[in-house]
Each structure stands twice: as structure tokens, then as C-alpha cells.
């Protein structure tokens, strides 16, 4: 498996690069994790409804091909795109989702945070507040898109949408929960990747 730290990158070119990678990969192509941060952007999944965009303002809205409704990406958030051959890994979509959620839950437990997944609303929650979102696309037996974990983003931006299509859903972050004990983004990303390695049969 290959881990690529892409830094701060625009959304659309990154999505196009993931599509190209997925279309070109063969049976021996290693799985990859792309770790990155996007500038502020709202993204609408394939079933996204305009009613969930409340007041996007100056932030660009981009339609994309992942599952789910609308979410926000921006500075202070760790995005990990999971380019995995799920057939080779003998994972169904549900197995991949569960593995991603369990990796985030295990990561959060390092900081004494008790988190849980919600089968009706994919993602990870602490005391009912969403701290990580999840959206995937499966093409040719392989996944792309992935997860977004809130380290220290501007949470006000989530108030401009119904996050993941749920009106009134509260969103939190590591910084809000941990205060001065919040890890740096680089440290959090490194530790999160280790949990992803342990929970997913990536090759």
C-alpha cells in the first residue's frame, strides 16, 4: 500500500486524478491512501438536494460522484481518499465503510474520546455530534473518495448547510473537544493513517 501526502490541493483536480487512477489500475496495482487538505468547498453527492444548501455564500459548491448529500471541506480538516481494490481485499462496500469508521473510532480513543458510528447516517459521532464524514464511489470493483476528519476547521461553515442532509445536525472537532490537548494536523494525520492500516486489508 502507498500513502501519499498531497498537502493543500484543490478539490476538482484531485477528484479527476482519483478517477484516472481508478480507471487505469490493474489487478496488481497497489492500494493507495491520499492524505490532504482542501481549500473551502461544499460538495454535493450524486443524490444531493439543493434544499440542503442553506447559505453557501462565497464558498464554491461542486457536484461530485460520491454517495451522500452535501458536506464541507476546508483547512483544518484531514481528508483521506481511499483508493482500494475491494474485490482483491474481499471487502464489500459495507465492510469498507465499517473498517473506515472503526479506524476513526480507534484513533479518537487515543485521546479518551468515546465515538460511535450510526448505520443510518455513515460517519463518526462523539456525543451525537459529527466529527468525521464518509463518502465513497465504487468503480470497476475499486473505491475512491473516502473520509474527512475535523481537527480544527471553521465550524461556522457547517452551519451554512444541512450536513450530510440532516437539518440541525451538530458538528464538532478535535480542537473543540480537546482544547490545548488537540494534536497538530500532521500528527493527527499520521496516527489516523496507522489506524487505517490496521483496520483495512489494503495491499
N, C-alpha and C. Protein backbone atom coordinates (compact mmCIF):
# COMPACT_ATOMS: atom_id res chain seq x y z
N UNK A 1 0.84 -1.19 0.00
CA UNK A 1 0.00 0.00 0.00
C UNK A 1 0.88 1.25 0.00
N UNK A 2 0.42 2.27 -0.72
CA UNK A 2 1.16 3.52 -0.85
C UNK A 2 0.39 4.63 -0.13
N UNK A 3 1.08 5.42 0.68
CA UNK A 3 0.48 6.60 1.33
C UNK A 3 1.09 7.83 0.68
N UNK A 4 0.23 8.70 0.17
CA UNK A 4 0.70 9.93 -0.46
C UNK A 4 0.21 11.14 0.34
N UNK A 5 1.13 11.97 0.79
CA UNK A 5 0.79 13.22 1.47
C UNK A 5 0.78 14.31 0.40
N UNK A 6 -0.43 14.73 0.02
CA UNK A 6 -0.56 15.68 -1.09
C UNK A 6 -0.61 17.13 -0.63
N UNK A 7 -0.70 17.34 0.69
CA UNK A 7 -0.73 18.72 1.18
C UNK A 7 -2.05 19.40 0.90
N UNK A 8 -1.98 20.72 0.61
CA UNK A 8 -3.17 21.55 0.39
C UNK A 8 -3.44 21.59 -1.12
N UNK A 9 -4.52 20.94 -1.57
CA UNK A 9 -4.78 20.80 -3.01
C UNK A 9 -6.24 21.12 -3.32
N UNK A 10 -6.48 21.64 -4.51
CA UNK A 10 -7.83 21.95 -4.95
C UNK A 10 -8.65 20.68 -5.13
N UNK A 11 -9.96 20.83 -4.98
CA UNK A 11 -10.85 19.67 -5.00
C UNK A 11 -10.96 19.02 -6.38
N UNK A 12 -11.34 19.79 -7.39
CA UNK A 12 -11.64 19.19 -8.70
C UNK A 12 -10.46 18.45 -9.33
N UNK A 13 -9.25 19.03 -9.36
CA UNK A 13 -8.13 18.28 -9.95
C UNK A 13 -7.84 16.98 -9.20
N UNK A 14 -8.07 16.99 -7.89
CA UNK A 14 -7.82 15.79 -7.09
C UNK A 14 -8.82 14.70 -7.42
N UNK A 15 -10.08 15.08 -7.57
CA UNK A 15 -11.11 14.10 -7.94
C UNK A 15 -10.81 13.52 -9.32
N UNK A 16 -10.43 14.37 -10.26
CA UNK A 16 -10.12 13.87 -11.60
C UNK A 16 -8.93 12.92 -11.57
N UNK A 17 -7.95 13.22 -10.73
CA UNK A 17 -6.78 12.33 -10.60
C UNK A 17 -7.18 10.99 -10.00
N UNK A 18 -8.11 10.99 -9.04
CA UNK A 18 -8.58 9.72 -8.47
C UNK A 18 -9.33 8.89 -9.51
N UNK A 19 -10.16 9.55 -10.29
CA UNK A 19 -10.89 8.84 -11.34
C UNK A 19 -9.91 8.20 -12.33
N UNK A 20 -8.90 8.97 -12.73
CA UNK A 20 -7.93 8.45 -13.70
C UNK A 20 -7.15 7.28 -13.12
N UNK A 21 -6.77 7.39 -11.85
CA UNK A 21 -6.06 6.29 -11.19
C UNK A 21 -6.92 5.03 -11.17
N UNK A 22 -8.20 5.19 -10.82
CA UNK A 22 -9.11 4.05 -10.70
C UNK A 22 -9.36 3.40 -12.05
N UNK A 23 -9.49 4.21 -13.10
CA UNK A 23 -9.72 3.66 -14.43
C UNK A 23 -8.49 2.93 -14.97
N UNK A 24 -7.30 3.38 -14.57
CA UNK A 24 -6.07 2.82 -15.12
C UNK A 24 -5.53 1.64 -14.33
N UNK A 25 -6.01 1.45 -13.09
CA UNK A 25 -5.38 0.44 -12.25
C UNK A 25 -5.67 -0.97 -12.75
N UNK A 26 -4.73 -1.87 -12.47
CA UNK A 26 -4.88 -3.26 -12.82
C UNK A 26 -4.92 -4.14 -11.58
N UNK A 27 -4.91 -5.44 -11.78
CA UNK A 27 -5.07 -6.36 -10.66
C UNK A 27 -3.88 -6.31 -9.69
N UNK A 28 -2.74 -5.85 -10.16
CA UNK A 28 -1.55 -5.80 -9.29
C UNK A 28 -1.27 -4.40 -8.76
N UNK A 29 -2.09 -3.43 -9.12
CA UNK A 29 -1.84 -2.05 -8.68
C UNK A 29 -1.99 -1.94 -7.17
N UNK A 30 -0.99 -1.42 -6.47
CA UNK A 30 -1.13 -1.27 -5.01
C UNK A 30 -2.27 -0.30 -4.66
N UNK A 31 -2.92 -0.57 -3.53
CA UNK A 31 -3.89 0.38 -2.99
C UNK A 31 -3.15 1.63 -2.53
N UNK A 32 -3.88 2.75 -2.49
CA UNK A 32 -3.26 4.00 -2.07
C UNK A 32 -4.18 4.75 -1.11
N UNK A 33 -3.57 5.46 -0.18
CA UNK A 33 -4.26 6.44 0.65
C UNK A 33 -3.70 7.81 0.29
N UNK A 34 -4.57 8.73 -0.07
CA UNK A 34 -4.16 10.11 -0.37
C UNK A 34 -4.58 10.98 0.81
N UNK A 35 -3.60 11.55 1.49
CA UNK A 35 -3.85 12.36 2.68
C UNK A 35 -3.66 13.83 2.29
N UNK A 36 -4.66 14.65 2.56
CA UNK A 36 -4.62 16.01 2.04
C UNK A 36 -5.58 16.93 2.78
N UNK A 37 -5.58 18.18 2.34
CA UNK A 37 -6.48 19.21 2.85
C UNK A 37 -6.95 20.02 1.65
N UNK A 38 -8.23 20.38 1.65
CA UNK A 38 -8.77 21.19 0.56
C UNK A 38 -9.00 22.63 1.02
N UNK A 39 -8.96 23.59 0.10
CA UNK A 39 -9.47 24.92 0.40
C UNK A 39 -10.98 24.83 0.61
N UNK A 40 -11.61 25.86 1.18
CA UNK A 40 -13.05 25.76 1.47
C UNK A 40 -13.89 25.41 0.24
N UNK A 41 -14.72 24.38 0.39
CA UNK A 41 -15.60 23.95 -0.70
C UNK A 41 -16.75 23.14 -0.12
N UNK A 42 -17.94 23.32 -0.68
CA UNK A 42 -19.07 22.44 -0.39
C UNK A 42 -19.18 21.45 -1.54
N UNK A 43 -19.37 20.18 -1.23
CA UNK A 43 -19.53 19.18 -2.29
C UNK A 43 -20.87 18.47 -2.13
N UNK A 44 -21.54 18.30 -3.26
CA UNK A 44 -22.85 17.65 -3.31
C UNK A 44 -22.68 16.26 -3.90
N UNK A 45 -23.13 15.24 -3.16
CA UNK A 45 -23.10 13.88 -3.66
C UNK A 45 -24.10 13.67 -4.78
N UNK A 46 -24.10 12.46 -5.34
CA UNK A 46 -24.94 12.19 -6.52
C UNK A 46 -26.43 12.33 -6.22
N UNK A 47 -26.82 12.15 -4.97
CA UNK A 47 -28.24 12.31 -4.61
C UNK A 47 -28.49 13.65 -3.93
N UNK A 48 -27.52 14.56 -4.00
CA UNK A 48 -27.61 15.81 -3.26
C UNK A 48 -28.80 16.66 -3.66
N UNK A 49 -29.46 17.23 -2.66
CA UNK A 49 -30.64 18.08 -2.88
C UNK A 49 -30.28 19.53 -2.56
N UNK A 50 -30.75 20.43 -3.43
CA UNK A 50 -30.43 21.84 -3.28
C UNK A 50 -30.93 22.39 -1.94
N UNK A 51 -31.99 21.82 -1.41
CA UNK A 51 -32.57 22.33 -0.17
C UNK A 51 -31.61 22.24 1.01
N UNK A 52 -30.57 21.39 0.89
CA UNK A 52 -29.62 21.25 1.99
C UNK A 52 -28.49 22.28 1.94
N UNK A 53 -28.47 23.08 0.87
CA UNK A 53 -27.54 24.22 0.78
C UNK A 53 -28.28 25.44 1.29
N UNK A 54 -28.00 25.84 2.52
CA UNK A 54 -28.76 26.91 3.16
C UNK A 54 -28.24 28.29 2.77
N UNK A 55 -26.95 28.51 2.91
CA UNK A 55 -26.36 29.82 2.63
C UNK A 55 -24.88 29.66 2.31
N UNK A 56 -24.56 29.07 1.15
CA UNK A 56 -23.15 28.81 0.85
C UNK A 56 -22.30 30.07 0.73
N UNK A 57 -22.93 31.20 0.38
CA UNK A 57 -22.18 32.44 0.30
C UNK A 57 -21.08 32.38 -0.74
N UNK A 58 -19.88 32.79 -0.33
CA UNK A 58 -18.75 32.88 -1.27
C UNK A 58 -18.06 31.54 -1.49
N UNK A 59 -18.46 30.50 -0.75
CA UNK A 59 -17.80 29.20 -0.87
C UNK A 59 -18.37 28.44 -2.06
N UNK A 60 -17.49 27.93 -2.91
CA UNK A 60 -17.91 27.23 -4.11
C UNK A 60 -18.64 25.93 -3.77
N UNK A 61 -19.65 25.61 -4.58
CA UNK A 61 -20.39 24.35 -4.46
C UNK A 61 -20.06 23.51 -5.69
N UNK A 62 -19.61 22.28 -5.48
CA UNK A 62 -19.22 21.40 -6.57
C UNK A 62 -20.00 20.10 -6.48
N UNK A 63 -20.63 19.72 -7.58
CA UNK A 63 -21.29 18.41 -7.64
C UNK A 63 -20.23 17.35 -7.92
N UNK A 64 -20.36 16.22 -7.24
CA UNK A 64 -19.36 15.18 -7.36
C UNK A 64 -20.04 13.83 -7.44
N UNK A 65 -19.26 12.76 -7.63
CA UNK A 65 -19.86 11.45 -7.92
C UNK A 65 -19.83 10.49 -6.74
N UNK A 66 -19.55 11.00 -5.54
CA UNK A 66 -19.60 10.12 -4.37
C UNK A 66 -21.05 9.96 -3.90
N UNK A 67 -21.27 9.01 -3.00
CA UNK A 67 -22.57 8.89 -2.38
C UNK A 67 -22.80 9.99 -1.36
N UNK A 68 -24.02 10.11 -0.89
CA UNK A 68 -24.32 11.06 0.17
C UNK A 68 -24.81 12.40 -0.34
N UNK A 69 -25.05 13.29 0.62
CA UNK A 69 -25.59 14.61 0.33
C UNK A 69 -24.47 15.65 0.33
N UNK A 70 -24.68 16.77 0.99
CA UNK A 70 -23.72 17.87 0.97
C UNK A 70 -22.81 17.82 2.19
N UNK A 71 -21.54 18.14 1.98
CA UNK A 71 -20.61 18.28 3.09
C UNK A 71 -19.67 19.42 2.80
N UNK A 72 -18.87 19.75 3.81
CA UNK A 72 -17.90 20.85 3.70
C UNK A 72 -16.50 20.28 3.84
N UNK A 73 -15.59 20.79 3.02
CA UNK A 73 -14.17 20.53 3.20
C UNK A 73 -13.45 21.86 3.31
N UNK A 74 -12.41 21.89 4.15
CA UNK A 74 -11.66 23.12 4.26
C UNK A 74 -10.43 22.96 5.15
N UNK A 75 -9.65 24.02 5.29
CA UNK A 75 -8.46 23.99 6.14
C UNK A 75 -8.81 23.54 7.55
N UNK A 76 -7.90 22.78 8.15
CA UNK A 76 -8.14 22.26 9.49
C UNK A 76 -8.84 20.91 9.50
N UNK A 77 -9.03 20.35 8.32
CA UNK A 77 -9.70 19.05 8.20
C UNK A 77 -8.75 18.09 7.48
N UNK A 78 -8.63 16.88 8.00
CA UNK A 78 -7.85 15.84 7.33
C UNK A 78 -8.77 15.05 6.41
N UNK A 79 -8.45 15.06 5.13
CA UNK A 79 -9.17 14.24 4.16
C UNK A 79 -8.26 13.08 3.77
N UNK A 80 -8.81 11.87 3.82
CA UNK A 80 -8.08 10.69 3.36
C UNK A 80 -8.91 10.01 2.28
N UNK A 81 -8.40 10.03 1.06
CA UNK A 81 -9.06 9.33 -0.03
C UNK A 81 -8.51 7.91 -0.11
N UNK A 82 -9.43 6.95 -0.17
CA UNK A 82 -9.10 5.53 -0.05
C UNK A 82 -9.28 4.86 -1.41
N UNK A 83 -8.17 4.62 -2.08
CA UNK A 83 -8.19 4.00 -3.41
C UNK A 83 -7.85 2.53 -3.24
N UNK A 84 -8.90 1.73 -3.07
CA UNK A 84 -8.76 0.33 -2.66
C UNK A 84 -9.45 -0.59 -3.65
N UNK A 85 -8.79 -1.68 -4.02
CA UNK A 85 -9.40 -2.74 -4.82
C UNK A 85 -10.20 -3.61 -3.86
N UNK A 86 -11.51 -3.33 -3.76
CA UNK A 86 -12.30 -4.02 -2.74
C UNK A 86 -12.54 -5.49 -3.10
N UNK A 87 -12.47 -5.82 -4.38
CA UNK A 87 -12.61 -7.24 -4.75
C UNK A 87 -11.39 -8.02 -4.30
N UNK A 88 -10.20 -7.47 -4.53
CA UNK A 88 -8.98 -8.14 -4.09
C UNK A 88 -8.91 -8.24 -2.58
N UNK A 89 -9.40 -7.20 -1.90
CA UNK A 89 -9.39 -7.19 -0.44
C UNK A 89 -10.51 -8.03 0.16
N UNK A 90 -11.38 -8.55 -0.72
CA UNK A 90 -12.54 -9.34 -0.27
C UNK A 90 -13.41 -8.54 0.70
N UNK A 91 -13.62 -7.28 0.34
CA UNK A 91 -14.45 -6.38 1.13
C UNK A 91 -15.69 -6.01 0.32
N UNK A 92 -16.83 -6.05 0.94
CA UNK A 92 -17.99 -5.41 0.35
C UNK A 92 -17.98 -3.93 0.70
N UNK A 93 -18.93 -3.20 0.15
CA UNK A 93 -18.99 -1.76 0.47
C UNK A 93 -19.23 -1.58 1.96
N UNK A 94 -20.13 -2.38 2.53
CA UNK A 94 -20.41 -2.25 3.96
C UNK A 94 -19.17 -2.55 4.79
N UNK A 95 -18.39 -3.54 4.37
CA UNK A 95 -17.17 -3.87 5.09
C UNK A 95 -16.16 -2.74 5.04
N UNK A 96 -16.06 -2.08 3.89
CA UNK A 96 -15.14 -0.95 3.77
C UNK A 96 -15.60 0.21 4.65
N UNK A 97 -16.89 0.52 4.60
CA UNK A 97 -17.42 1.60 5.44
C UNK A 97 -17.17 1.31 6.92
N UNK A 98 -17.45 0.08 7.34
CA UNK A 98 -17.24 -0.29 8.74
C UNK A 98 -15.77 -0.17 9.12
N UNK A 99 -14.87 -0.62 8.25
CA UNK A 99 -13.45 -0.52 8.54
C UNK A 99 -12.99 0.91 8.69
N UNK A 100 -13.48 1.80 7.83
CA UNK A 100 -13.13 3.22 7.92
C UNK A 100 -13.65 3.82 9.22
N UNK A 101 -14.90 3.51 9.54
CA UNK A 101 -15.47 4.05 10.78
C UNK A 101 -14.73 3.52 12.00
N UNK A 102 -14.39 2.24 12.02
CA UNK A 102 -13.70 1.67 13.17
C UNK A 102 -12.29 2.24 13.32
N UNK A 103 -11.64 2.55 12.22
CA UNK A 103 -10.32 3.17 12.29
C UNK A 103 -10.41 4.55 12.94
N UNK A 104 -11.42 5.33 12.57
CA UNK A 104 -11.59 6.66 13.16
C UNK A 104 -11.93 6.54 14.64
N UNK A 105 -12.80 5.60 14.99
CA UNK A 105 -13.18 5.40 16.39
C UNK A 105 -11.95 5.01 17.22
N UNK A 106 -11.11 4.12 16.69
CA UNK A 106 -9.90 3.72 17.41
C UNK A 106 -8.93 4.90 17.55
N UNK A 107 -8.81 5.71 16.51
CA UNK A 107 -7.97 6.91 16.57
C UNK A 107 -8.46 7.84 17.67
N UNK A 108 -9.75 8.10 17.72
CA UNK A 108 -10.30 9.03 18.71
C UNK A 108 -10.13 8.50 20.13
N UNK A 109 -10.15 7.17 20.28
CA UNK A 109 -10.00 6.59 21.62
C UNK A 109 -8.62 6.88 22.20
N UNK A 110 -7.62 7.15 21.34
CA UNK A 110 -6.30 7.53 21.83
C UNK A 110 -6.36 8.79 22.70
N UNK A 111 -7.35 9.62 22.45
CA UNK A 111 -7.48 10.89 23.16
C UNK A 111 -8.56 10.84 24.23
N UNK A 112 -9.02 9.62 24.54
CA UNK A 112 -10.03 9.46 25.57
C UNK A 112 -11.43 9.81 25.10
N UNK A 113 -11.63 9.88 23.80
CA UNK A 113 -12.94 10.23 23.26
C UNK A 113 -13.70 8.96 22.89
N UNK A 114 -14.91 8.85 23.37
CA UNK A 114 -15.77 7.71 23.05
C UNK A 114 -16.63 8.08 21.86
N UNK A 115 -16.39 7.41 20.75
CA UNK A 115 -17.08 7.72 19.50
C UNK A 115 -17.86 6.52 19.02
N UNK A 116 -18.81 6.77 18.13
CA UNK A 116 -19.61 5.67 17.60
C UNK A 116 -20.04 5.99 16.18
N UNK A 117 -20.35 4.93 15.46
CA UNK A 117 -20.89 5.06 14.10
C UNK A 117 -22.41 4.97 14.17
N UNK A 118 -23.06 5.45 13.13
CA UNK A 118 -24.52 5.37 13.02
C UNK A 118 -24.84 4.70 11.68
N UNK A 119 -25.37 3.48 11.70
CA UNK A 119 -25.64 2.77 10.43
C UNK A 119 -26.63 3.50 9.53
N UNK A 120 -27.44 4.39 10.09
CA UNK A 120 -28.40 5.13 9.29
C UNK A 120 -27.80 6.39 8.67
N UNK A 121 -26.66 6.82 9.21
CA UNK A 121 -26.02 8.06 8.74
C UNK A 121 -24.52 7.88 8.83
N UNK A 122 -23.90 7.29 7.78
CA UNK A 122 -22.48 6.97 7.84
C UNK A 122 -21.63 8.14 8.30
N UNK A 123 -20.64 7.81 9.11
CA UNK A 123 -19.78 8.81 9.71
C UNK A 123 -19.49 8.42 11.14
N UNK A 124 -18.80 9.29 11.87
CA UNK A 124 -18.44 9.01 13.25
C UNK A 124 -18.87 10.20 14.12
N UNK A 125 -19.41 9.87 15.29
CA UNK A 125 -20.03 10.86 16.16
C UNK A 125 -19.48 10.75 17.58
N UNK A 126 -19.35 11.90 18.24
CA UNK A 126 -19.00 11.97 19.65
C UNK A 126 -20.14 12.70 20.35
N UNK A 127 -20.80 12.01 21.28
CA UNK A 127 -21.95 12.58 21.99
C UNK A 127 -22.99 13.16 21.02
N UNK A 128 -23.21 12.45 19.92
CA UNK A 128 -24.22 12.85 18.97
C UNK A 128 -23.81 13.92 17.99
N UNK A 129 -22.59 14.43 18.11
CA UNK A 129 -22.09 15.46 17.20
C UNK A 129 -21.10 14.83 16.22
N UNK A 130 -21.23 15.19 14.97
CA UNK A 130 -20.42 14.55 13.92
C UNK A 130 -19.01 15.13 13.90
N UNK A 131 -18.03 14.23 13.95
CA UNK A 131 -16.64 14.66 13.90
C UNK A 131 -15.94 14.19 12.63
N UNK A 132 -16.53 13.20 11.96
CA UNK A 132 -15.93 12.70 10.71
C UNK A 132 -17.03 12.27 9.76
N UNK A 133 -16.86 12.63 8.49
CA UNK A 133 -17.83 12.24 7.47
C UNK A 133 -17.20 11.22 6.53
N UNK A 134 -18.06 10.57 5.76
CA UNK A 134 -17.62 9.47 4.92
C UNK A 134 -18.46 9.44 3.66
N UNK A 135 -17.80 9.32 2.52
CA UNK A 135 -18.50 9.19 1.25
C UNK A 135 -17.62 8.44 0.27
N UNK A 136 -18.18 7.49 -0.46
CA UNK A 136 -17.39 6.63 -1.34
C UNK A 136 -18.02 6.55 -2.73
N UNK A 137 -17.20 6.19 -3.68
CA UNK A 137 -17.64 5.81 -5.01
C UNK A 137 -16.96 4.50 -5.35
N UNK A 138 -17.71 3.55 -5.88
CA UNK A 138 -17.14 2.27 -6.31
C UNK A 138 -17.21 2.20 -7.83
N UNK A 139 -16.07 1.96 -8.46
CA UNK A 139 -16.00 1.83 -9.91
C UNK A 139 -15.02 0.72 -10.26
N UNK A 140 -15.40 -0.18 -11.13
CA UNK A 140 -14.55 -1.29 -11.57
C UNK A 140 -14.04 -2.10 -10.36
N UNK A 141 -14.88 -2.25 -9.35
CA UNK A 141 -14.50 -3.03 -8.18
C UNK A 141 -13.54 -2.34 -7.25
N UNK A 142 -13.35 -1.03 -7.42
CA UNK A 142 -12.42 -0.29 -6.59
C UNK A 142 -13.09 0.97 -6.04
N UNK A 143 -12.60 1.42 -4.88
CA UNK A 143 -13.17 2.60 -4.24
C UNK A 143 -12.31 3.83 -4.49
N UNK A 144 -12.98 4.97 -4.46
CA UNK A 144 -12.29 6.25 -4.28
C UNK A 144 -13.21 7.18 -3.51
N UNK A 145 -12.80 8.42 -3.31
CA UNK A 145 -13.31 9.30 -2.26
C UNK A 145 -12.90 8.67 -0.91
N UNK A 146 -13.55 9.04 0.20
CA UNK A 146 -13.09 8.50 1.47
C UNK A 146 -13.66 9.20 2.68
N UNK A 147 -12.78 9.69 3.56
CA UNK A 147 -13.21 10.22 4.85
C UNK A 147 -12.67 11.63 5.06
N UNK A 148 -13.33 12.37 5.94
CA UNK A 148 -12.87 13.70 6.34
C UNK A 148 -13.03 13.83 7.85
N UNK A 149 -11.94 14.11 8.54
CA UNK A 149 -11.93 14.23 10.00
C UNK A 149 -11.68 15.68 10.38
N UNK A 150 -12.52 16.20 11.26
CA UNK A 150 -12.39 17.58 11.69
C UNK A 150 -11.36 17.71 12.82
N UNK A 151 -10.21 18.31 12.51
CA UNK A 151 -9.22 18.60 13.53
C UNK A 151 -9.48 19.99 14.10
N UNK A 152 -9.37 21.01 13.27
CA UNK A 152 -9.66 22.37 13.73
C UNK A 152 -10.16 23.24 12.58
N UNK A 153 -11.24 22.82 11.91
CA UNK A 153 -11.78 23.64 10.82
C UNK A 153 -12.66 24.76 11.38
N UNK A 154 -13.07 25.65 10.50
CA UNK A 154 -14.04 26.69 10.87
C UNK A 154 -15.42 26.04 10.89
N UNK A 155 -15.92 25.72 12.08
CA UNK A 155 -17.19 25.01 12.19
C UNK A 155 -18.38 25.85 11.75
N UNK A 156 -18.19 27.17 11.66
CA UNK A 156 -19.28 28.03 11.19
C UNK A 156 -19.73 27.64 9.79
N UNK A 157 -18.79 27.15 9.00
CA UNK A 157 -19.14 26.81 7.62
C UNK A 157 -20.14 25.66 7.55
N UNK A 158 -20.12 24.77 8.53
CA UNK A 158 -21.10 23.68 8.54
C UNK A 158 -22.51 24.22 8.80
N UNK A 159 -22.61 25.39 9.41
CA UNK A 159 -23.91 25.99 9.65
C UNK A 159 -24.56 26.54 8.40
N UNK A 160 -23.82 26.58 7.29
CA UNK A 160 -24.36 27.07 6.03
C UNK A 160 -25.06 25.97 5.23
N UNK A 161 -25.02 24.75 5.75
CA UNK A 161 -25.62 23.60 5.06
C UNK A 161 -26.35 22.75 6.09
N UNK A 162 -27.14 21.80 5.59
CA UNK A 162 -27.61 20.69 6.42
C UNK A 162 -26.58 19.58 6.26
N UNK A 163 -25.64 19.44 7.20
CA UNK A 163 -24.54 18.49 6.98
C UNK A 163 -25.04 17.09 6.67
N UNK A 164 -24.57 16.56 5.55
CA UNK A 164 -24.94 15.21 5.12
C UNK A 164 -26.45 15.05 4.95
N UNK A 165 -27.16 16.18 4.77
CA UNK A 165 -28.59 16.15 4.53
C UNK A 165 -29.45 16.11 5.78
N UNK A 166 -28.85 16.38 6.96
CA UNK A 166 -29.60 16.32 8.21
C UNK A 166 -29.72 17.70 8.82
N UNK A 167 -30.93 18.25 8.79
CA UNK A 167 -31.15 19.57 9.37
C UNK A 167 -30.88 19.53 10.87
N UNK A 168 -30.13 20.52 11.34
CA UNK A 168 -29.87 20.62 12.77
C UNK A 168 -28.76 19.73 13.28
N UNK A 169 -28.11 18.96 12.40
CA UNK A 169 -27.02 18.09 12.85
C UNK A 169 -25.86 18.95 13.34
N UNK A 170 -25.42 18.69 14.55
CA UNK A 170 -24.30 19.44 15.12
C UNK A 170 -22.99 18.78 14.72
N UNK A 171 -22.00 19.60 14.47
CA UNK A 171 -20.68 19.14 14.03
C UNK A 171 -19.64 19.61 15.03
N UNK A 172 -18.68 18.77 15.33
CA UNK A 172 -17.64 19.11 16.30
C UNK A 172 -16.26 18.84 15.69
N UNK A 173 -15.23 19.07 16.49
CA UNK A 173 -13.85 18.90 16.03
C UNK A 173 -12.97 18.48 17.19
N UNK A 174 -11.78 17.99 16.87
CA UNK A 174 -10.83 17.65 17.93
C UNK A 174 -10.48 18.88 18.75
N UNK A 175 -10.30 20.01 18.10
CA UNK A 175 -9.95 21.23 18.83
C UNK A 175 -11.04 21.63 19.81
N UNK A 176 -12.29 21.49 19.38
CA UNK A 176 -13.39 21.84 20.27
C UNK A 176 -13.48 20.89 21.46
N UNK A 177 -13.21 19.62 21.24
CA UNK A 177 -13.33 18.62 22.29
C UNK A 177 -12.11 18.55 23.21
N UNK A 178 -10.92 18.84 22.66
CA UNK A 178 -9.69 18.62 23.41
C UNK A 178 -8.99 19.91 23.85
N UNK A 179 -9.38 21.02 23.27
CA UNK A 179 -8.74 22.28 23.64
C UNK A 179 -7.24 22.25 23.38
N UNK A 180 -6.44 22.60 24.39
CA UNK A 180 -4.99 22.67 24.22
C UNK A 180 -4.35 21.31 24.00
N UNK A 181 -5.08 20.24 24.27
CA UNK A 181 -4.55 18.89 24.06
C UNK A 181 -4.73 18.40 22.63
N UNK A 182 -5.31 19.24 21.78
CA UNK A 182 -5.54 18.84 20.39
C UNK A 182 -4.21 18.64 19.69
N UNK A 183 -4.04 17.54 18.98
CA UNK A 183 -2.78 17.31 18.24
C UNK A 183 -2.68 18.23 17.04
N UNK A 184 -1.49 18.36 16.52
CA UNK A 184 -1.31 19.09 15.27
C UNK A 184 -1.96 18.29 14.14
N UNK A 185 -2.23 18.97 13.05
CA UNK A 185 -2.85 18.27 11.91
C UNK A 185 -1.93 17.18 11.38
N UNK A 186 -0.63 17.47 11.32
CA UNK A 186 0.32 16.48 10.81
C UNK A 186 0.38 15.25 11.71
N UNK A 187 0.40 15.47 13.02
CA UNK A 187 0.43 14.34 13.96
C UNK A 187 -0.86 13.53 13.88
N UNK A 188 -1.99 14.23 13.83
CA UNK A 188 -3.27 13.53 13.74
C UNK A 188 -3.35 12.70 12.46
N UNK A 189 -2.88 13.25 11.35
CA UNK A 189 -2.93 12.53 10.08
C UNK A 189 -2.09 11.26 10.14
N UNK A 190 -0.89 11.38 10.70
CA UNK A 190 -0.01 10.22 10.79
C UNK A 190 -0.63 9.11 11.64
N UNK A 191 -1.22 9.49 12.75
CA UNK A 191 -1.82 8.50 13.64
C UNK A 191 -3.08 7.89 13.04
N UNK A 192 -3.86 8.71 12.33
CA UNK A 192 -5.06 8.19 11.67
C UNK A 192 -4.70 7.17 10.60
N UNK A 193 -3.66 7.45 9.83
CA UNK A 193 -3.23 6.52 8.79
C UNK A 193 -2.84 5.18 9.39
N UNK A 194 -2.18 5.18 10.53
CA UNK A 194 -1.80 3.92 11.17
C UNK A 194 -3.04 3.09 11.55
N UNK A 195 -4.07 3.76 12.00
CA UNK A 195 -5.30 3.02 12.33
C UNK A 195 -5.98 2.51 11.07
N UNK A 196 -5.93 3.27 9.99
CA UNK A 196 -6.49 2.79 8.73
C UNK A 196 -5.74 1.56 8.24
N UNK A 197 -4.42 1.57 8.40
CA UNK A 197 -3.62 0.39 8.02
C UNK A 197 -4.05 -0.84 8.81
N UNK A 198 -4.33 -0.65 10.08
CA UNK A 198 -4.64 -1.80 10.95
C UNK A 198 -6.05 -2.33 10.75
N UNK A 199 -6.97 -1.46 10.32
CA UNK A 199 -8.37 -1.87 10.21
C UNK A 199 -8.78 -2.31 8.81
N UNK A 200 -7.95 -1.99 7.80
CA UNK A 200 -8.33 -2.32 6.43
C UNK A 200 -7.31 -3.25 5.80
N UNK A 201 -7.75 -4.26 5.07
CA UNK A 201 -6.83 -5.21 4.42
C UNK A 201 -6.31 -4.65 3.11
N UNK A 202 -5.64 -3.50 3.17
CA UNK A 202 -5.12 -2.88 1.96
C UNK A 202 -3.83 -3.56 1.53
N UNK A 203 -3.59 -3.55 0.22
CA UNK A 203 -2.41 -4.22 -0.33
C UNK A 203 -1.61 -3.26 -1.20
